[in-house]
Amino acid sequence: MELTDTDLPSVFRDADRAAKQAQRGTLRWTLVRLTGAVAAAIGGAISLALFGKEWAGAISALGFGAALVAEFVLLQSGYERSWYQSRASAESLKTIAWRYAVAADPFPASLPPAKTDQLLANRIRDVLRATGTAGGVNASADLLPPQLIKVRRSSFEERRHVYLRDRLQNQLAWYSRESDRNRRRSAYFRAGLVMGEVVAVVFSVLRFSGVIKVDLAGIFAAMVAAAASWLAVRQFESLATAYALAGQELTTLQVLIGATEEPRWSQVVADAEEAISREHTTWQASRRVVPHQRSA
């Protein structure tokens, strides 16, 4: 028996899909804006005379125009806010579904099925309202997929095994992979920024000495500023640290859960879900979004 993301309520998949689409839109247009700013700096620093016309001004105009269009799209589309809200919704819905599936608080195995299902529907509705994503969810969403019910109705030992393997171990593997990936990307970008600043200093000295006339230092300054802005958007370093810390906490809880018996099951699962929630709450706070407080 297993429980994967495809077995969770469809509202989770809707929110997850919306978050990924909004993230792609945010990053795509942010990249266009930064590239346009660099192009404008290049046009302002060089001289490009062809057919009796100075084309450098046209390059600057196109760069500024692209940056302006990208800024307008980001403001009007709401990509960034949709990304944060949909991600908050998806993570909250995922933890609710897992609590339901393994009969953890607030869905203990002793609760009658009808009350349990109604409570699940209420909690899902509360999340969608709190995160402002109710309008993007299919009205005919399947809140109780067969596999979710099957796991809930299985024995305690089976539920514990499924939770350990499909929730904790999968989450731990994801944290480890993403922490390493973000740490590498942060190191690459930091090295690139240092190199760009060194080159800018060299070109500044050469221009001051009269060796070159073109303001290459200004171009590199614009490139460094764009790279720094991209680094701030992606937050590689802070994500690497947050994922590593969450992974360490889950590693400890994994040992505890493996030895937990049914009387303490609900609380231990709640602790594990809170550890995952804290990582995402930190991410939301870093994006200046008011986190949705998940109910225990």
C-alpha atoms as a PDB file:
ATOM      1  CA  MET A   1       0.000   0.000   0.000  1.00  0.00           C
ATOM      2  CA  GLU A   2       1.215   3.493  -0.822  1.00  0.00           C
ATOM      3  CA  LEU A   3       0.015   7.084  -0.814  1.00  0.00           C
ATOM      4  CA  THR A   4       1.462   9.523  -3.336  1.00  0.00           C
ATOM      5  CA  ASP A   5       0.591  13.081  -4.319  1.00  0.00           C
ATOM      6  CA  THR A   6      -1.705  11.753  -7.043  1.00  0.00           C
ATOM      7  CA  ASP A   7      -3.748   9.987  -4.342  1.00  0.00           C
ATOM      8  CA  LEU A   8      -4.417  13.186  -2.392  1.00  0.00           C
ATOM      9  CA  PRO A   9      -7.576  15.314  -2.861  1.00  0.00           C
ATOM     10  CA  SER A  10      -7.714  17.020  -6.232  1.00  0.00           C
ATOM     11  CA  VAL A  11      -7.820  20.445  -4.559  1.00  0.00           C
ATOM     12  CA  PHE A  12      -4.198  19.874  -3.534  1.00  0.00           C
ATOM     13  CA  ARG A  13      -3.171  19.081  -7.105  1.00  0.00           C
ATOM     14  CA  ASP A  14      -5.080  22.135  -8.374  1.00  0.00           C
ATOM     15  CA  ALA A  15      -3.288  24.402  -5.902  1.00  0.00           C
ATOM     16  CA  ASP A  16       0.086  22.777  -6.595  1.00  0.00           C
ATOM     17  CA  ARG A  17      -0.367  23.201 -10.353  1.00  0.00           C
ATOM     18  CA  ALA A  18      -1.442  26.837  -9.926  1.00  0.00           C
ATOM     19  CA  ALA A  19       1.611  27.547  -7.746  1.00  0.00           C
ATOM     20  CA  LYS A  20       4.007  26.083 -10.311  1.00  0.00           C
ATOM     21  CA  GLN A  21       2.413  28.019 -13.176  1.00  0.00           C
ATOM     22  CA  ALA A  22       2.511  31.292 -11.223  1.00  0.00           C
ATOM     23  CA  GLN A  23       6.119  30.641 -10.206  1.00  0.00           C
ATOM     24  CA  ARG A  24       7.133  30.114 -13.832  1.00  0.00           C
ATOM     25  CA  GLY A  25       5.375  33.348 -14.802  1.00  0.00           C
ATOM     26  CA  THR A  26       7.067  35.288 -11.985  1.00  0.00           C
ATOM     27  CA  LEU A  27      10.543  34.024 -12.814  1.00  0.00           C
ATOM     28  CA  ARG A  28      10.107  34.378 -16.578  1.00  0.00           C
ATOM     29  CA  TRP A  29       9.038  38.026 -16.469  1.00  0.00           C
ATOM     30  CA  THR A  30      11.538  38.888 -13.750  1.00  0.00           C
ATOM     31  CA  LEU A  31      14.273  37.546 -16.019  1.00  0.00           C
ATOM     32  CA  VAL A  32      12.938  39.634 -18.922  1.00  0.00           C
ATOM     33  CA  ARG A  33      12.976  42.750 -16.725  1.00  0.00           C
ATOM     34  CA  LEU A  34      16.551  42.210 -15.566  1.00  0.00           C
ATOM     35  CA  THR A  35      17.783  41.322 -19.063  1.00  0.00           C
ATOM     36  CA  GLY A  36      16.144  44.472 -20.414  1.00  0.00           C
ATOM     37  CA  ALA A  37      17.910  46.590 -17.804  1.00  0.00           C
ATOM     38  CA  VAL A  38      21.283  45.087 -18.758  1.00  0.00           C
ATOM     39  CA  ALA A  39      20.570  45.654 -22.472  1.00  0.00           C
ATOM     40  CA  ALA A  40      19.703  49.284 -21.724  1.00  0.00           C
ATOM     41  CA  ALA A  41      23.018  49.687 -19.888  1.00  0.00           C
ATOM     42  CA  ILE A  42      24.915  48.194 -22.838  1.00  0.00           C
ATOM     43  CA  GLY A  43      23.167  50.569 -25.251  1.00  0.00           C
ATOM     44  CA  GLY A  44      24.083  53.522 -23.061  1.00  0.00           C
ATOM     45  CA  ALA A  45      27.749  52.531 -22.841  1.00  0.00           C
ATOM     46  CA  ILE A  46      28.633  51.768 -26.442  1.00  0.00           C
ATOM     47  CA  SER A  47      28.570  53.499 -29.772  1.00  0.00           C
ATOM     48  CA  LEU A  48      27.125  51.604 -32.720  1.00  0.00           C
ATOM     49  CA  ALA A  49      26.986  53.700 -35.885  1.00  0.00           C
ATOM     50  CA  LEU A  50      25.558  51.929 -38.933  1.00  0.00           C
ATOM     51  CA  PHE A  51      24.166  53.393 -42.154  1.00  0.00           C
ATOM     52  CA  GLY A  52      24.567  56.870 -40.805  1.00  0.00           C
ATOM     53  CA  LYS A  53      22.582  56.229 -37.635  1.00  0.00           C
ATOM     54  CA  GLU A  54      23.510  55.666 -34.001  1.00  0.00           C
ATOM     55  CA  TRP A  55      21.894  52.353 -33.067  1.00  0.00           C
ATOM     56  CA  ALA A  56      23.085  52.244 -29.467  1.00  0.00           C
ATOM     57  CA  GLY A  57      20.163  54.455 -28.508  1.00  0.00           C
ATOM     58  CA  ALA A  58      17.790  51.968 -30.087  1.00  0.00           C
ATOM     59  CA  ILE A  59      19.311  49.168 -28.010  1.00  0.00           C
ATOM     60  CA  SER A  60      18.772  51.205 -24.858  1.00  0.00           C
ATOM     61  CA  ALA A  61      15.209  52.000 -25.855  1.00  0.00           C
ATOM     62  CA  LEU A  62      14.440  48.340 -26.545  1.00  0.00           C
ATOM     63  CA  GLY A  63      16.006  47.321 -23.233  1.00  0.00           C
ATOM     64  CA  PHE A  64      14.053  49.853 -21.239  1.00  0.00           C
ATOM     65  CA  GLY A  65      10.909  48.954 -23.177  1.00  0.00           C
ATOM     66  CA  ALA A  66      11.299  45.261 -22.380  1.00  0.00           C
ATOM     67  CA  ALA A  67      11.895  46.040 -18.709  1.00  0.00           C
ATOM     68  CA  LEU A  68       8.828  48.294 -18.643  1.00  0.00           C
ATOM     69  CA  VAL A  69       6.599  45.674 -20.265  1.00  0.00           C
ATOM     70  CA  ALA A  70       7.848  43.003 -17.859  1.00  0.00           C
ATOM     71  CA  GLU A  71       7.203  45.266 -14.869  1.00  0.00           C
ATOM     72  CA  PHE A  72       3.691  45.971 -16.121  1.00  0.00           C
ATOM     73  CA  VAL A  73       2.955  42.270 -16.638  1.00  0.00           C
ATOM     74  CA  LEU A  74       4.223  41.408 -13.145  1.00  0.00           C
ATOM     75  CA  LEU A  75       2.058  44.115 -11.608  1.00  0.00           C
ATOM     76  CA  GLN A  76      -1.111  43.316 -13.554  1.00  0.00           C
ATOM     77  CA  SER A  77      -0.933  39.527 -13.685  1.00  0.00           C
ATOM     78  CA  GLY A  78      -0.564  38.946  -9.953  1.00  0.00           C
ATOM     79  CA  TYR A  79       1.824  36.077 -10.696  1.00  0.00           C
ATOM     80  CA  GLU A  80       3.895  36.631  -7.569  1.00  0.00           C
ATOM     81  CA  ARG A  81       0.978  36.777  -5.148  1.00  0.00           C
ATOM     82  CA  SER A  82      -0.694  33.815  -6.830  1.00  0.00           C
ATOM     83  CA  TRP A  83       2.534  31.837  -6.497  1.00  0.00           C
ATOM     84  CA  TYR A  84       2.750  32.465  -2.743  1.00  0.00           C
ATOM     85  CA  GLN A  85      -0.952  31.976  -2.023  1.00  0.00           C
ATOM     86  CA  SER A  86      -1.279  28.812  -4.100  1.00  0.00           C
ATOM     87  CA  ARG A  87       1.861  27.315  -2.561  1.00  0.00           C
ATOM     88  CA  ALA A  88       0.553  28.095   0.931  1.00  0.00           C
ATOM     89  CA  SER A  89      -2.744  26.485   0.018  1.00  0.00           C
ATOM     90  CA  ALA A  90      -1.111  23.374  -1.475  1.00  0.00           C
ATOM     91  CA  GLU A  91       1.133  22.770   1.543  1.00  0.00           C
ATOM     92  CA  SER A  92      -1.722  23.241   4.009  1.00  0.00           C
ATOM     93  CA  LEU A  93      -4.002  20.929   2.032  1.00  0.00           C
ATOM     94  CA  LYS A  94      -1.266  18.303   1.855  1.00  0.00           C
ATOM     95  CA  THR A  95      -0.732  18.215   5.601  1.00  0.00           C
ATOM     96  CA  ILE A  96      -4.485  18.045   6.227  1.00  0.00           C
ATOM     97  CA  ALA A  97      -4.818  15.126   3.810  1.00  0.00           C
ATOM     98  CA  TRP A  98      -1.964  13.237   5.445  1.00  0.00           C
ATOM     99  CA  ARG A  99      -3.384  13.766   8.923  1.00  0.00           C
ATOM    100  CA  TYR A 100      -6.694  12.402   7.694  1.00  0.00           C
ATOM    101  CA  ALA A 101      -5.095   9.414   5.946  1.00  0.00           C
ATOM    102  CA  VAL A 102      -3.081   8.231   8.964  1.00  0.00           C
ATOM    103  CA  ALA A 103      -5.797   9.051  11.535  1.00  0.00           C
ATOM    104  CA  ALA A 104      -3.868  11.782  13.314  1.00  0.00           C
ATOM    105  CA  ASP A 105      -5.254  14.831  15.103  1.00  0.00           C
ATOM    106  CA  PRO A 106      -7.763  16.311  14.316  1.00  0.00           C
ATOM    107  CA  PHE A 107      -8.965  13.113  12.575  1.00  0.00           C
ATOM    108  CA  PRO A 108      -8.488  10.335  15.182  1.00  0.00           C
ATOM    109  CA  ALA A 109      -9.513   6.802  14.286  1.00  0.00           C
ATOM    110  CA  SER A 110     -12.180   6.942  17.006  1.00  0.00           C
ATOM    111  CA  LEU A 111     -14.100   9.700  15.194  1.00  0.00           C
ATOM    112  CA  PRO A 112     -17.183   8.424  13.282  1.00  0.00           C
ATOM    113  CA  PRO A 113     -16.634   8.337   9.486  1.00  0.00           C
ATOM    114  CA  ALA A 114     -19.391  10.848   8.707  1.00  0.00           C
ATOM    115  CA  LYS A 115     -17.998  13.392  11.179  1.00  0.00           C
ATOM    116  CA  THR A 116     -14.458  12.764   9.977  1.00  0.00           C
ATOM    117  CA  ASP A 117     -15.350  13.391   6.340  1.00  0.00           C
ATOM    118  CA  GLN A 118     -17.306  16.532   7.204  1.00  0.00           C
ATOM    119  CA  LEU A 119     -14.410  17.820   9.294  1.00  0.00           C
ATOM    120  CA  LEU A 120     -12.037  17.208   6.381  1.00  0.00           C
ATOM    121  CA  ALA A 121     -14.305  19.170   4.030  1.00  0.00           C
ATOM    122  CA  ASN A 122     -14.534  22.022   6.552  1.00  0.00           C
ATOM    123  CA  ARG A 123     -10.768  22.182   7.042  1.00  0.00           C
ATOM    124  CA  ILE A 124     -10.175  22.229   3.291  1.00  0.00           C
ATOM    125  CA  ARG A 125     -12.719  25.003   2.849  1.00  0.00           C
ATOM    126  CA  ASP A 126     -11.088  27.011   5.663  1.00  0.00           C
ATOM    127  CA  VAL A 127      -7.651  26.713   4.008  1.00  0.00           C
ATOM    128  CA  LEU A 128      -8.956  27.825   0.633  1.00  0.00           C
ATOM    129  CA  ARG A 129     -10.668  30.842   2.170  1.00  0.00           C
ATOM    130  CA  ALA A 130      -7.680  31.798   4.320  1.00  0.00           C
ATOM    131  CA  THR A 131      -5.249  31.661   1.408  1.00  0.00           C
ATOM    132  CA  GLY A 132      -7.584  33.318  -1.075  1.00  0.00           C
ATOM    133  CA  THR A 133      -7.421  30.396  -3.514  1.00  0.00           C
ATOM    134  CA  ALA A 134     -11.009  29.150  -3.355  1.00  0.00           C
ATOM    135  CA  GLY A 135     -11.812  30.693  -6.726  1.00  0.00           C
ATOM    136  CA  GLY A 136      -9.143  28.633  -8.472  1.00  0.00           C
ATOM    137  CA  VAL A 137     -10.385  25.251  -7.289  1.00  0.00           C
ATOM    138  CA  ASN A 138     -12.661  22.931  -9.218  1.00  0.00           C
ATOM    139  CA  ALA A 139     -16.113  23.011  -7.634  1.00  0.00           C
ATOM    140  CA  SER A 140     -16.535  19.280  -8.243  1.00  0.00           C
ATOM    141  CA  ALA A 141     -13.209  18.468  -6.600  1.00  0.00           C
ATOM    142  CA  ASP A 142     -12.759  14.953  -5.286  1.00  0.00           C
ATOM    143  CA  LEU A 143     -12.067  15.420  -1.589  1.00  0.00           C
ATOM    144  CA  LEU A 144     -11.953  11.717  -0.724  1.00  0.00           C
ATOM    145  CA  PRO A 145      -9.959   9.711  -3.269  1.00  0.00           C
ATOM    146  CA  PRO A 146     -10.264   5.922  -2.819  1.00  0.00           C
ATOM    147  CA  GLN A 147      -6.624   5.436  -1.841  1.00  0.00           C
ATOM    148  CA  LEU A 148      -6.882   8.063   0.890  1.00  0.00           C
ATOM    149  CA  ILE A 149      -9.811   6.199   2.421  1.00  0.00           C
ATOM    150  CA  LYS A 150      -8.072   2.848   1.997  1.00  0.00           C
ATOM    151  CA  VAL A 151      -5.019   4.006   3.934  1.00  0.00           C
ATOM    152  CA  ARG A 152      -7.175   5.477   6.707  1.00  0.00           C
ATOM    153  CA  ARG A 153      -9.078   2.211   7.102  1.00  0.00           C
ATOM    154  CA  SER A 154      -5.933   0.077   7.243  1.00  0.00           C
ATOM    155  CA  SER A 155      -4.291  -1.144  10.446  1.00  0.00           C
ATOM    156  CA  PHE A 156      -2.219   1.123  12.647  1.00  0.00           C
ATOM    157  CA  GLU A 157       0.974  -0.685  11.632  1.00  0.00           C
ATOM    158  CA  GLU A 158       0.175  -0.204   7.949  1.00  0.00           C
ATOM    159  CA  ARG A 159      -0.631   3.480   8.421  1.00  0.00           C
ATOM    160  CA  ARG A 160       2.603   4.005  10.317  1.00  0.00           C
ATOM    161  CA  HIS A 161       4.576   2.258   7.586  1.00  0.00           C
ATOM    162  CA  VAL A 162       2.937   4.324   4.832  1.00  0.00           C
ATOM    163  CA  TYR A 163       3.520   7.575   6.729  1.00  0.00           C
ATOM    164  CA  LEU A 164       7.172   6.800   7.357  1.00  0.00           C
ATOM    165  CA  ARG A 165       7.913   5.800   3.775  1.00  0.00           C
ATOM    166  CA  ASP A 166       5.662   7.998   1.646  1.00  0.00           C
ATOM    167  CA  ARG A 167       5.563  11.144   3.768  1.00  0.00           C
ATOM    168  CA  LEU A 168       8.657  11.430   5.964  1.00  0.00           C
ATOM    169  CA  GLN A 169      11.248   9.593   3.881  1.00  0.00           C
ATOM    170  CA  ASN A 170      10.063  11.238   0.668  1.00  0.00           C
ATOM    171  CA  GLN A 171      10.114  14.653   2.343  1.00  0.00           C
ATOM    172  CA  LEU A 172      13.570  13.997   3.772  1.00  0.00           C
ATOM    173  CA  ALA A 173      14.903  13.011   0.353  1.00  0.00           C
ATOM    174  CA  TRP A 174      13.398  16.160  -1.143  1.00  0.00           C
ATOM    175  CA  TYR A 175      14.896  18.382   1.572  1.00  0.00           C
ATOM    176  CA  SER A 176      18.333  16.814   1.088  1.00  0.00           C
ATOM    177  CA  ARG A 177      18.210  17.143  -2.696  1.00  0.00           C
ATOM    178  CA  GLU A 178      16.925  20.715  -2.680  1.00  0.00           C
ATOM    179  CA  SER A 179      19.312  21.835   0.055  1.00  0.00           C
ATOM    180  CA  ASP A 180      22.315  20.591  -1.930  1.00  0.00           C
ATOM    181  CA  ARG A 181      21.013  22.064  -5.185  1.00  0.00           C
ATOM    182  CA  ASN A 182      20.342  25.496  -3.690  1.00  0.00           C
ATOM    183  CA  ARG A 183      23.691  25.549  -1.904  1.00  0.00           C
ATOM    184  CA  ARG A 184      25.507  24.843  -5.168  1.00  0.00           C
ATOM    185  CA  ARG A 185      23.559  27.493  -7.029  1.00  0.00           C
ATOM    186  CA  SER A 186      24.248  30.032  -4.295  1.00  0.00           C
ATOM    187  CA  ALA A 187      27.976  29.288  -4.476  1.00  0.00           C
ATOM    188  CA  TYR A 188      27.994  29.644  -8.284  1.00  0.00           C
ATOM    189  CA  PHE A 189      26.165  32.967  -8.172  1.00  0.00           C
ATOM    190  CA  ARG A 190      28.357  34.340  -5.391  1.00  0.00           C
ATOM    191  CA  ALA A 191      31.478  33.403  -7.331  1.00  0.00           C
ATOM    192  CA  GLY A 192      30.026  35.036 -10.454  1.00  0.00           C
ATOM    193  CA  LEU A 193      29.241  38.230  -8.552  1.00  0.00           C
ATOM    194  CA  VAL A 194      32.774  38.451  -7.200  1.00  0.00           C
ATOM    195  CA  MET A 195      34.246  37.880 -10.665  1.00  0.00           C
ATOM    196  CA  GLY A 196      31.941  40.498 -12.176  1.00  0.00           C
ATOM    197  CA  GLU A 197      32.929  43.049  -9.534  1.00  0.00           C
ATOM    198  CA  VAL A 198      36.644  42.348 -10.083  1.00  0.00           C
ATOM    199  CA  VAL A 199      36.262  42.790 -13.842  1.00  0.00           C
ATOM    200  CA  ALA A 200      34.305  46.023 -13.273  1.00  0.00           C
ATOM    201  CA  VAL A 201      37.139  47.373 -11.119  1.00  0.00           C
ATOM    202  CA  VAL A 202      39.699  46.500 -13.804  1.00  0.00           C
ATOM    203  CA  PHE A 203      37.685  48.219 -16.537  1.00  0.00           C
ATOM    204  CA  SER A 204      37.178  51.265 -14.283  1.00  0.00           C
ATOM    205  CA  VAL A 205      40.944  51.582 -13.808  1.00  0.00           C
ATOM    206  CA  LEU A 206      41.568  51.140 -17.539  1.00  0.00           C
ATOM    207  CA  ARG A 207      39.053  53.835 -18.398  1.00  0.00           C
ATOM    208  CA  PHE A 208      40.490  56.182 -15.789  1.00  0.00           C
ATOM    209  CA  SER A 209      43.922  55.575 -17.279  1.00  0.00           C
ATOM    210  CA  GLY A 210      42.636  56.393 -20.756  1.00  0.00           C
ATOM    211  CA  VAL A 211      43.344  52.919 -22.111  1.00  0.00           C
ATOM    212  CA  ILE A 212      39.703  52.395 -23.099  1.00  0.00           C
ATOM    213  CA  LYS A 213      36.937  54.858 -23.880  1.00  0.00           C
ATOM    214  CA  VAL A 214      33.884  52.623 -23.580  1.00  0.00           C
ATOM    215  CA  ASP A 215      32.202  52.427 -20.181  1.00  0.00           C
ATOM    216  CA  LEU A 216      32.568  48.656 -19.836  1.00  0.00           C
ATOM    217  CA  ALA A 217      32.596  49.011 -16.049  1.00  0.00           C
ATOM    218  CA  GLY A 218      29.061  50.400 -16.229  1.00  0.00           C
ATOM    219  CA  ILE A 219      27.928  47.377 -18.246  1.00  0.00           C
ATOM    220  CA  PHE A 220      29.420  44.970 -15.728  1.00  0.00           C
ATOM    221  CA  ALA A 221      27.916  46.985 -12.894  1.00  0.00           C
ATOM    222  CA  ALA A 222      24.487  46.524 -14.461  1.00  0.00           C
ATOM    223  CA  MET A 223      25.130  42.791 -14.918  1.00  0.00           C
ATOM    224  CA  VAL A 224      26.225  42.413 -11.293  1.00  0.00           C
ATOM    225  CA  ALA A 225      23.156  44.325 -10.095  1.00  0.00           C
ATOM    226  CA  ALA A 226      20.881  42.110 -12.222  1.00  0.00           C
ATOM    227  CA  ALA A 227      22.547  38.946 -10.911  1.00  0.00           C
ATOM    228  CA  ALA A 228      22.193  40.185  -7.322  1.00  0.00           C
ATOM    229  CA  SER A 229      18.499  40.888  -7.921  1.00  0.00           C
ATOM    230  CA  TRP A 230      18.008  37.403  -9.358  1.00  0.00           C
ATOM    231  CA  LEU A 231      19.801  35.924  -6.351  1.00  0.00           C
ATOM    232  CA  ALA A 232      17.429  37.819  -4.048  1.00  0.00           C
ATOM    233  CA  VAL A 233      14.397  36.488  -5.926  1.00  0.00           C
ATOM    234  CA  ARG A 234      15.560  32.871  -5.860  1.00  0.00           C
ATOM    235  CA  GLN A 235      16.903  32.984  -2.258  1.00  0.00           C
ATOM    236  CA  PHE A 236      19.237  30.036  -2.848  1.00  0.00           C
ATOM    237  CA  GLU A 237      21.232  30.433   0.360  1.00  0.00           C
ATOM    238  CA  SER A 238      18.303  30.884   2.748  1.00  0.00           C
ATOM    239  CA  LEU A 239      16.425  27.978   1.148  1.00  0.00           C
ATOM    240  CA  ALA A 240      19.448  25.694   1.472  1.00  0.00           C
ATOM    241  CA  THR A 241      19.686  26.493   5.172  1.00  0.00           C
ATOM    242  CA  ALA A 242      15.951  26.127   5.814  1.00  0.00           C
ATOM    243  CA  TYR A 243      15.779  22.764   4.016  1.00  0.00           C
ATOM    244  CA  ALA A 244      18.828  21.459   5.878  1.00  0.00           C
ATOM    245  CA  LEU A 245      17.368  22.420   9.263  1.00  0.00           C
ATOM    246  CA  ALA A 246      13.973  20.918   8.445  1.00  0.00           C
ATOM    247  CA  GLY A 247      15.687  17.730   7.277  1.00  0.00           C
ATOM    248  CA  GLN A 248      17.600  17.435  10.541  1.00  0.00           C
ATOM    249  CA  GLU A 249      14.402  17.801  12.560  1.00  0.00           C
ATOM    250  CA  LEU A 250      12.562  15.233  10.447  1.00  0.00           C
ATOM    251  CA  THR A 251      15.451  12.780  10.771  1.00  0.00           C
ATOM    252  CA  THR A 252      15.042  12.840  14.544  1.00  0.00           C
ATOM    253  CA  LEU A 253      11.270  12.499  14.306  1.00  0.00           C
ATOM    254  CA  GLN A 254      11.591   9.623  11.860  1.00  0.00           C
ATOM    255  CA  VAL A 255      13.333   7.503  14.502  1.00  0.00           C
ATOM    256  CA  LEU A 256      10.701   8.450  17.070  1.00  0.00           C
ATOM    257  CA  ILE A 257       7.764   7.679  14.769  1.00  0.00           C
ATOM    258  CA  GLY A 258       9.163   4.276  13.892  1.00  0.00           C
ATOM    259  CA  ALA A 259       8.929   3.306  17.571  1.00  0.00           C
ATOM    260  CA  THR A 260       5.645   5.092  18.347  1.00  0.00           C
ATOM    261  CA  GLU A 261       2.630   3.080  19.425  1.00  0.00           C
ATOM    262  CA  GLU A 262      -0.967   4.036  18.730  1.00  0.00           C
ATOM    263  CA  PRO A 263      -1.730   5.950  21.987  1.00  0.00           C
ATOM    264  CA  ARG A 264       0.927   8.601  21.139  1.00  0.00           C
ATOM    265  CA  TRP A 265       0.546   8.401  17.372  1.00  0.00           C
ATOM    266  CA  SER A 266      -1.604  11.479  16.876  1.00  0.00           C
ATOM    267  CA  GLN A 267       0.764  13.816  18.743  1.00  0.00           C
ATOM    268  CA  VAL A 268       3.932  12.508  17.101  1.00  0.00           C
ATOM    269  CA  VAL A 269       2.452  12.918  13.611  1.00  0.00           C
ATOM    270  CA  ALA A 270       1.337  16.427  14.576  1.00  0.00           C
ATOM    271  CA  ASP A 271       4.945  17.227  15.588  1.00  0.00           C
ATOM    272  CA  ALA A 272       6.248  15.948  12.239  1.00  0.00           C
ATOM    273  CA  GLU A 273       3.697  17.957  10.271  1.00  0.00           C
ATOM    274  CA  GLU A 274       4.510  21.056  12.301  1.00  0.00           C
ATOM    275  CA  ALA A 275       8.202  20.624  11.459  1.00  0.00           C
ATOM    276  CA  ILE A 276       7.309  20.613   7.763  1.00  0.00           C
ATOM    277  CA  SER A 277       4.959  23.550   8.287  1.00  0.00           C
ATOM    278  CA  ARG A 278       7.661  25.611  10.018  1.00  0.00           C
ATOM    279  CA  GLU A 279       9.916  25.343   6.981  1.00  0.00           C
ATOM    280  CA  HIS A 280       7.157  26.594   4.713  1.00  0.00           C
ATOM    281  CA  THR A 281       6.107  29.322   7.165  1.00  0.00           C
ATOM    282  CA  THR A 282       9.700  30.589   7.090  1.00  0.00           C
ATOM    283  CA  TRP A 283       9.568  30.605   3.287  1.00  0.00           C
ATOM    284  CA  GLN A 284       6.318  32.583   3.343  1.00  0.00           C
ATOM    285  CA  ALA A 285       7.733  35.104   5.813  1.00  0.00           C
ATOM    286  CA  SER A 286      10.797  35.611   3.606  1.00  0.00           C
ATOM    287  CA  ARG A 287       8.424  36.450   0.760  1.00  0.00           C
ATOM    288  CA  ARG A 288       6.593  38.978   2.967  1.00  0.00           C
ATOM    289  CA  VAL A 289       3.392  36.912   2.952  1.00  0.00           C
ATOM    290  CA  VAL A 290       1.291  36.512   6.084  1.00  0.00           C
ATOM    291  CA  PRO A 291       1.465  32.751   6.743  1.00  0.00           C
ATOM    292  CA  HIS A 292      -1.704  30.731   7.053  1.00  0.00           C
ATOM    293  CA  GLN A 293      -1.756  29.150  10.474  1.00  0.00           C
ATOM    294  CA  ARG A 294      -2.581  25.478  10.108  1.00  0.00           C
ATOM    295  CA  SER A 295      -4.893  24.007  12.682  1.00  0.00           C
ATOM    296  CA  ALA A 296      -3.550  21.213  14.805  1.00  0.00           C
END
